Amino acid sequence: AGITGLRRAESLNDDPIFIEAIANIAKDHLLSGKVMSTQLKLRCPKCNKDVCQRARDFFENQII
């Protein structure tokens, strides 16, 4: 009875290459001096929610 033959895909969370890549992305972002990426300013396709725009406005006006 029960599940047999269950297999789980390996997680990237503890892969050294993944960890180094995420660390490099974070470091590069911090060194850029920018509060957020230009992509965060983009609206999702067909999204017209005011809460999304308020969140973008909030982050855009932050100072590092």
PDB file of N, CA and C in Angstrom:
ATOM      1  N   ALA A   1       0.837  -1.188   0.000  1.00  0.00           N
ATOM      2  CA  ALA A   1       0.000   0.000   0.000  1.00  0.00           C
ATOM      3  C   ALA A   1       0.878   1.245   0.000  1.00  0.00           C
ATOM      4  N   GLY A   2       0.343   2.335  -0.508  1.00  0.00           N
ATOM      5  CA  GLY A   2       1.078   3.601  -0.508  1.00  0.00           C
ATOM      6  C   GLY A   2       1.816   3.842  -1.814  1.00  0.00           C
ATOM      7  N   ILE A   3       2.573   4.876  -1.830  1.00  0.00           N
ATOM      8  CA  ILE A   3       3.313   5.272  -3.027  1.00  0.00           C
ATOM      9  C   ILE A   3       4.596   4.469  -3.128  1.00  0.00           C
ATOM     10  N   THR A   4       4.859   3.976  -4.321  1.00  0.00           N
ATOM     11  CA  THR A   4       6.113   3.261  -4.557  1.00  0.00           C
ATOM     12  C   THR A   4       6.836   3.920  -5.729  1.00  0.00           C
ATOM     13  N   GLY A   5       8.138   3.855  -5.713  1.00  0.00           N
ATOM     14  CA  GLY A   5       8.928   4.383  -6.819  1.00  0.00           C
ATOM     15  C   GLY A   5       8.975   5.901  -6.898  1.00  0.00           C
ATOM     16  N   LEU A   6       8.681   6.586  -5.798  1.00  0.00           N
ATOM     17  CA  LEU A   6       8.715   8.043  -5.793  1.00  0.00           C
ATOM     18  C   LEU A   6      10.159   8.513  -5.908  1.00  0.00           C
ATOM     19  N   ARG A   7      10.400   9.416  -6.850  1.00  0.00           N
ATOM     20  CA  ARG A   7      11.745   9.960  -7.034  1.00  0.00           C
ATOM     21  C   ARG A   7      11.662  11.477  -6.981  1.00  0.00           C
ATOM     22  N   ARG A   8      12.633  12.076  -6.391  1.00  0.00           N
ATOM     23  CA  ARG A   8      12.650  13.527  -6.213  1.00  0.00           C
ATOM     24  C   ARG A   8      13.799  14.117  -7.023  1.00  0.00           C
ATOM     25  N   ALA A   9      13.518  15.214  -7.703  1.00  0.00           N
ATOM     26  CA  ALA A   9      14.566  15.905  -8.451  1.00  0.00           C
ATOM     27  C   ALA A   9      15.503  16.616  -7.479  1.00  0.00           C
ATOM     28  N   GLU A  10      16.753  16.677  -7.843  1.00  0.00           N
ATOM     29  CA  GLU A  10      17.747  17.348  -7.013  1.00  0.00           C
ATOM     30  C   GLU A  10      17.426  18.841  -6.913  1.00  0.00           C
ATOM     31  N   SER A  11      17.640  19.394  -5.750  1.00  0.00           N
ATOM     32  CA  SER A  11      17.399  20.819  -5.519  1.00  0.00           C
ATOM     33  C   SER A  11      18.676  21.607  -5.789  1.00  0.00           C
ATOM     34  N   LEU A  12      18.518  22.825  -6.282  1.00  0.00           N
ATOM     35  CA  LEU A  12      19.680  23.671  -6.545  1.00  0.00           C
ATOM     36  C   LEU A  12      20.150  24.420  -5.303  1.00  0.00           C
ATOM     37  N   ASN A  13      19.338  24.466  -4.275  1.00  0.00           N
ATOM     38  CA  ASN A  13      19.614  25.325  -3.125  1.00  0.00           C
ATOM     39  C   ASN A  13      20.993  25.144  -2.515  1.00  0.00           C
ATOM     40  N   ASP A  14      21.535  23.928  -2.531  1.00  0.00           N
ATOM     41  CA  ASP A  14      22.835  23.727  -1.897  1.00  0.00           C
ATOM     42  C   ASP A  14      23.941  23.417  -2.900  1.00  0.00           C
ATOM     43  N   ASP A  15      23.679  23.654  -4.173  1.00  0.00           N
ATOM     44  CA  ASP A  15      24.693  23.444  -5.199  1.00  0.00           C
ATOM     45  C   ASP A  15      25.674  24.618  -5.158  1.00  0.00           C
ATOM     46  N   PRO A  16      26.974  24.365  -5.025  1.00  0.00           N
ATOM     47  CA  PRO A  16      27.956  25.449  -4.923  1.00  0.00           C
ATOM     48  C   PRO A  16      27.920  26.424  -6.105  1.00  0.00           C
ATOM     49  N   ILE A  17      27.681  25.942  -7.301  1.00  0.00           N
ATOM     50  CA  ILE A  17      27.617  26.822  -8.471  1.00  0.00           C
ATOM     51  C   ILE A  17      26.411  27.751  -8.362  1.00  0.00           C
ATOM     52  N   PHE A  18      25.273  27.213  -7.931  1.00  0.00           N
ATOM     53  CA  PHE A  18      24.066  28.023  -7.752  1.00  0.00           C
ATOM     54  C   PHE A  18      24.286  29.083  -6.674  1.00  0.00           C
ATOM     55  N   ILE A  19      24.871  28.685  -5.558  1.00  0.00           N
ATOM     56  CA  ILE A  19      25.127  29.614  -4.459  1.00  0.00           C
ATOM     57  C   ILE A  19      26.049  30.740  -4.919  1.00  0.00           C
ATOM     58  N   GLU A  20      27.108  30.396  -5.655  1.00  0.00           N
ATOM     59  CA  GLU A  20      28.034  31.416  -6.153  1.00  0.00           C
ATOM     60  C   GLU A  20      27.338  32.360  -7.136  1.00  0.00           C
ATOM     61  N   ALA A  21      26.485  31.808  -7.990  1.00  0.00           N
ATOM     62  CA  ALA A  21      25.770  32.637  -8.963  1.00  0.00           C
ATOM     63  C   ALA A  21      24.840  33.625  -8.261  1.00  0.00           C
ATOM     64  N   ILE A  22      24.085  33.165  -7.282  1.00  0.00           N
ATOM     65  CA  ILE A  22      23.182  34.048  -6.540  1.00  0.00           C
ATOM     66  C   ILE A  22      23.980  35.112  -5.781  1.00  0.00           C
ATOM     67  N   ALA A  23      25.111  34.711  -5.197  1.00  0.00           N
ATOM     68  CA  ALA A  23      25.955  35.668  -4.477  1.00  0.00           C
ATOM     69  C   ALA A  23      26.488  36.734  -5.428  1.00  0.00           C
ATOM     70  N   ASN A  24      26.889  36.339  -6.629  1.00  0.00           N
ATOM     71  CA  ASN A  24      27.392  37.304  -7.613  1.00  0.00           C
ATOM     72  C   ASN A  24      26.299  38.266  -8.064  1.00  0.00           C
ATOM     73  N   ILE A  25      25.099  37.757  -8.256  1.00  0.00           N
ATOM     74  CA  ILE A  25      23.974  38.621  -8.641  1.00  0.00           C
ATOM     75  C   ILE A  25      23.710  39.647  -7.542  1.00  0.00           C
ATOM     76  N   ALA A  26      23.686  39.198  -6.296  1.00  0.00           N
ATOM     77  CA  ALA A  26      23.442  40.108  -5.170  1.00  0.00           C
ATOM     78  C   ALA A  26      24.563  41.137  -5.053  1.00  0.00           C
ATOM     79  N   LYS A  27      25.819  40.688  -5.169  1.00  0.00           N
ATOM     80  CA  LYS A  27      26.963  41.600  -5.074  1.00  0.00           C
ATOM     81  C   LYS A  27      26.919  42.653  -6.176  1.00  0.00           C
ATOM     82  N   ASP A  28      26.679  42.215  -7.408  1.00  0.00           N
ATOM     83  CA  ASP A  28      26.617  43.149  -8.534  1.00  0.00           C
ATOM     84  C   ASP A  28      25.504  44.174  -8.343  1.00  0.00           C
ATOM     85  N   HIS A  29      24.367  43.715  -7.831  1.00  0.00           N
ATOM     86  CA  HIS A  29      23.255  44.641  -7.591  1.00  0.00           C
ATOM     87  C   HIS A  29      23.629  45.667  -6.524  1.00  0.00           C
ATOM     88  N   LEU A  30      24.223  45.213  -5.434  1.00  0.00           N
ATOM     89  CA  LEU A  30      24.607  46.137  -4.365  1.00  0.00           C
ATOM     90  C   LEU A  30      25.650  47.139  -4.844  1.00  0.00           C
ATOM     91  N   LEU A  31      26.606  46.684  -5.644  1.00  0.00           N
ATOM     92  CA  LEU A  31      27.646  47.577  -6.158  1.00  0.00           C
ATOM     93  C   LEU A  31      27.114  48.556  -7.199  1.00  0.00           C
ATOM     94  N   SER A  32      25.989  48.231  -7.826  1.00  0.00           N
ATOM     95  CA  SER A  32      25.428  49.107  -8.858  1.00  0.00           C
ATOM     96  C   SER A  32      24.897  50.413  -8.270  1.00  0.00           C
ATOM     97  N   GLY A  33      24.556  50.394  -6.980  1.00  0.00           N
ATOM     98  CA  GLY A  33      24.006  51.585  -6.345  1.00  0.00           C
ATOM     99  C   GLY A  33      22.552  51.847  -6.698  1.00  0.00           C
ATOM    100  N   LYS A  34      21.942  50.945  -7.441  1.00  0.00           N
ATOM    101  CA  LYS A  34      20.542  51.113  -7.822  1.00  0.00           C
ATOM    102  C   LYS A  34      19.647  50.440  -6.790  1.00  0.00           C
ATOM    103  N   VAL A  35      18.509  51.062  -6.519  1.00  0.00           N
ATOM    104  CA  VAL A  35      17.567  50.504  -5.553  1.00  0.00           C
ATOM    105  C   VAL A  35      16.888  49.267  -6.122  1.00  0.00           C
ATOM    106  N   MET A  36      16.576  49.312  -7.422  1.00  0.00           N
ATOM    107  CA  MET A  36      15.872  48.194  -8.057  1.00  0.00           C
ATOM    108  C   MET A  36      16.277  48.114  -9.518  1.00  0.00           C
ATOM    109  N   SER A  37      16.011  46.981 -10.119  1.00  0.00           N
ATOM    110  CA  SER A  37      16.314  46.823 -11.538  1.00  0.00           C
ATOM    111  C   SER A  37      15.263  47.549 -12.371  1.00  0.00           C
ATOM    112  N   THR A  38      15.603  47.836 -13.607  1.00  0.00           N
ATOM    113  CA  THR A  38      14.652  48.509 -14.492  1.00  0.00           C
ATOM    114  C   THR A  38      13.462  47.610 -14.798  1.00  0.00           C
ATOM    115  N   GLN A  39      13.634  46.305 -14.674  1.00  0.00           N
ATOM    116  CA  GLN A  39      12.531  45.381 -14.958  1.00  0.00           C
ATOM    117  C   GLN A  39      11.402  45.507 -13.945  1.00  0.00           C
ATOM    118  N   LEU A  40      11.727  45.884 -12.714  1.00  0.00           N
ATOM    119  CA  LEU A  40      10.679  46.000 -11.695  1.00  0.00           C
ATOM    120  C   LEU A  40       9.695  47.108 -12.039  1.00  0.00           C
ATOM    121  N   LYS A  41      10.135  48.078 -12.828  1.00  0.00           N
ATOM    122  CA  LYS A  41       9.256  49.183 -13.218  1.00  0.00           C
ATOM    123  C   LYS A  41       8.210  48.757 -14.245  1.00  0.00           C
ATOM    124  N   LEU A  42       8.443  47.621 -14.896  1.00  0.00           N
ATOM    125  CA  LEU A  42       7.531  47.161 -15.941  1.00  0.00           C
ATOM    126  C   LEU A  42       6.250  46.602 -15.340  1.00  0.00           C
ATOM    127  N   ARG A  43       5.166  46.833 -16.019  1.00  0.00           N
ATOM    128  CA  ARG A  43       3.861  46.308 -15.612  1.00  0.00           C
ATOM    129  C   ARG A  43       3.684  44.920 -16.226  1.00  0.00           C
ATOM    130  N   CYS A  44       3.113  44.007 -15.473  1.00  0.00           N
ATOM    131  CA  CYS A  44       2.810  42.683 -16.020  1.00  0.00           C
ATOM    132  C   CYS A  44       1.801  42.840 -17.162  1.00  0.00           C
ATOM    133  N   PRO A  45       1.865  41.973 -18.165  1.00  0.00           N
ATOM    134  CA  PRO A  45       0.899  42.072 -19.265  1.00  0.00           C
ATOM    135  C   PRO A  45      -0.541  42.045 -18.746  1.00  0.00           C
ATOM    136  N   LYS A  46      -1.328  42.994 -19.184  1.00  0.00           N
ATOM    137  CA  LYS A  46      -2.751  43.115 -18.855  1.00  0.00           C
ATOM    138  C   LYS A  46      -3.026  43.419 -17.382  1.00  0.00           C
ATOM    139  N   CYS A  47      -2.004  43.782 -16.621  1.00  0.00           N
ATOM    140  CA  CYS A  47      -2.207  44.111 -15.201  1.00  0.00           C
ATOM    141  C   CYS A  47      -2.584  45.581 -15.073  1.00  0.00           C
ATOM    142  N   ASN A  48      -3.639  45.844 -14.341  1.00  0.00           N
ATOM    143  CA  ASN A  48      -4.036  47.230 -14.088  1.00  0.00           C
ATOM    144  C   ASN A  48      -4.324  47.457 -12.602  1.00  0.00           C
ATOM    145  N   LYS A  49      -3.698  46.661 -11.761  1.00  0.00           N
ATOM    146  CA  LYS A  49      -3.914  46.773 -10.320  1.00  0.00           C
ATOM    147  C   LYS A  49      -3.133  47.961  -9.758  1.00  0.00           C
ATOM    148  N   ASP A  50      -3.823  48.798  -9.023  1.00  0.00           N
ATOM    149  CA  ASP A  50      -3.176  49.959  -8.414  1.00  0.00           C
ATOM    150  C   ASP A  50      -2.140  49.552  -7.373  1.00  0.00           C
ATOM    151  N   VAL A  51      -2.376  48.446  -6.686  1.00  0.00           N
ATOM    152  CA  VAL A  51      -1.454  48.018  -5.639  1.00  0.00           C
ATOM    153  C   VAL A  51      -0.079  47.704  -6.229  1.00  0.00           C
ATOM    154  N   CYS A  52      -0.042  47.190  -7.424  1.00  0.00           N
ATOM    155  CA  CYS A  52       1.239  46.898  -8.072  1.00  0.00           C
ATOM    156  C   CYS A  52       1.994  48.192  -8.354  1.00  0.00           C
ATOM    157  N   GLN A  53       1.293  49.190  -8.862  1.00  0.00           N
ATOM    158  CA  GLN A  53       1.938  50.477  -9.147  1.00  0.00           C
ATOM    159  C   GLN A  53       2.407  51.135  -7.864  1.00  0.00           C
ATOM    160  N   ARG A  54       1.632  51.043  -6.812  1.00  0.00           N
ATOM    161  CA  ARG A  54       2.050  51.629  -5.530  1.00  0.00           C
ATOM    162  C   ARG A  54       3.319  50.956  -5.020  1.00  0.00           C
ATOM    163  N   ALA A  55       3.428  49.642  -5.191  1.00  0.00           N
ATOM    164  CA  ALA A  55       4.634  48.927  -4.763  1.00  0.00           C
ATOM    165  C   ALA A  55       5.840  49.386  -5.576  1.00  0.00           C
ATOM    166  N   ARG A  56       5.664  49.523  -6.893  1.00  0.00           N
ATOM    167  CA  ARG A  56       6.771  49.993  -7.736  1.00  0.00           C
ATOM    168  C   ARG A  56       7.184  51.408  -7.335  1.00  0.00           C
ATOM    169  N   ASP A  57       6.206  52.271  -7.100  1.00  0.00           N
ATOM    170  CA  ASP A  57       6.505  53.644  -6.681  1.00  0.00           C
ATOM    171  C   ASP A  57       7.269  53.653  -5.356  1.00  0.00           C
ATOM    172  N   PHE A  58       6.861  52.795  -4.429  1.00  0.00           N
ATOM    173  CA  PHE A  58       7.528  52.718  -3.129  1.00  0.00           C
ATOM    174  C   PHE A  58       8.998  52.364  -3.305  1.00  0.00           C
ATOM    175  N   PHE A  59       9.277  51.295  -4.045  1.00  0.00           N
ATOM    176  CA  PHE A  59      10.658  50.855  -4.212  1.00  0.00           C
ATOM    177  C   PHE A  59      11.487  51.859  -5.001  1.00  0.00           C
ATOM    178  N   GLU A  60      10.877  52.493  -5.981  1.00  0.00           N
ATOM    179  CA  GLU A  60      11.608  53.448  -6.809  1.00  0.00           C
ATOM    180  C   GLU A  60      12.060  54.667  -6.001  1.00  0.00           C
ATOM    181  N   ASN A  61      11.327  55.006  -4.958  1.00  0.00           N
ATOM    182  CA  ASN A  61      11.645  56.187  -4.164  1.00  0.00           C
ATOM    183  C   ASN A  61      12.505  55.899  -2.934  1.00  0.00           C
ATOM    184  N   GLN A  62      13.023  54.686  -2.821  1.00  0.00           N
ATOM    185  CA  GLN A  62      13.888  54.349  -1.692  1.00  0.00           C
ATOM    186  C   GLN A  62      15.307  54.850  -1.954  1.00  0.00           C
ATOM    187  N   ILE A  63      16.034  55.100  -0.892  1.00  0.00           N
ATOM    188  CA  ILE A  63      17.418  55.558  -0.990  1.00  0.00           C
ATOM    189  C   ILE A  63      18.307  54.518  -0.328  1.00  0.00           C
ATOM    190  N   ILE A  64      19.386  54.194  -1.009  1.00  0.00           N
ATOM    191  CA  ILE A  64      20.326  53.208  -0.445  1.00  0.00           C
ATOM    192  C   ILE A  64      21.242  53.909   0.533  1.00  0.00           C
TER     193      ILE A  64
END
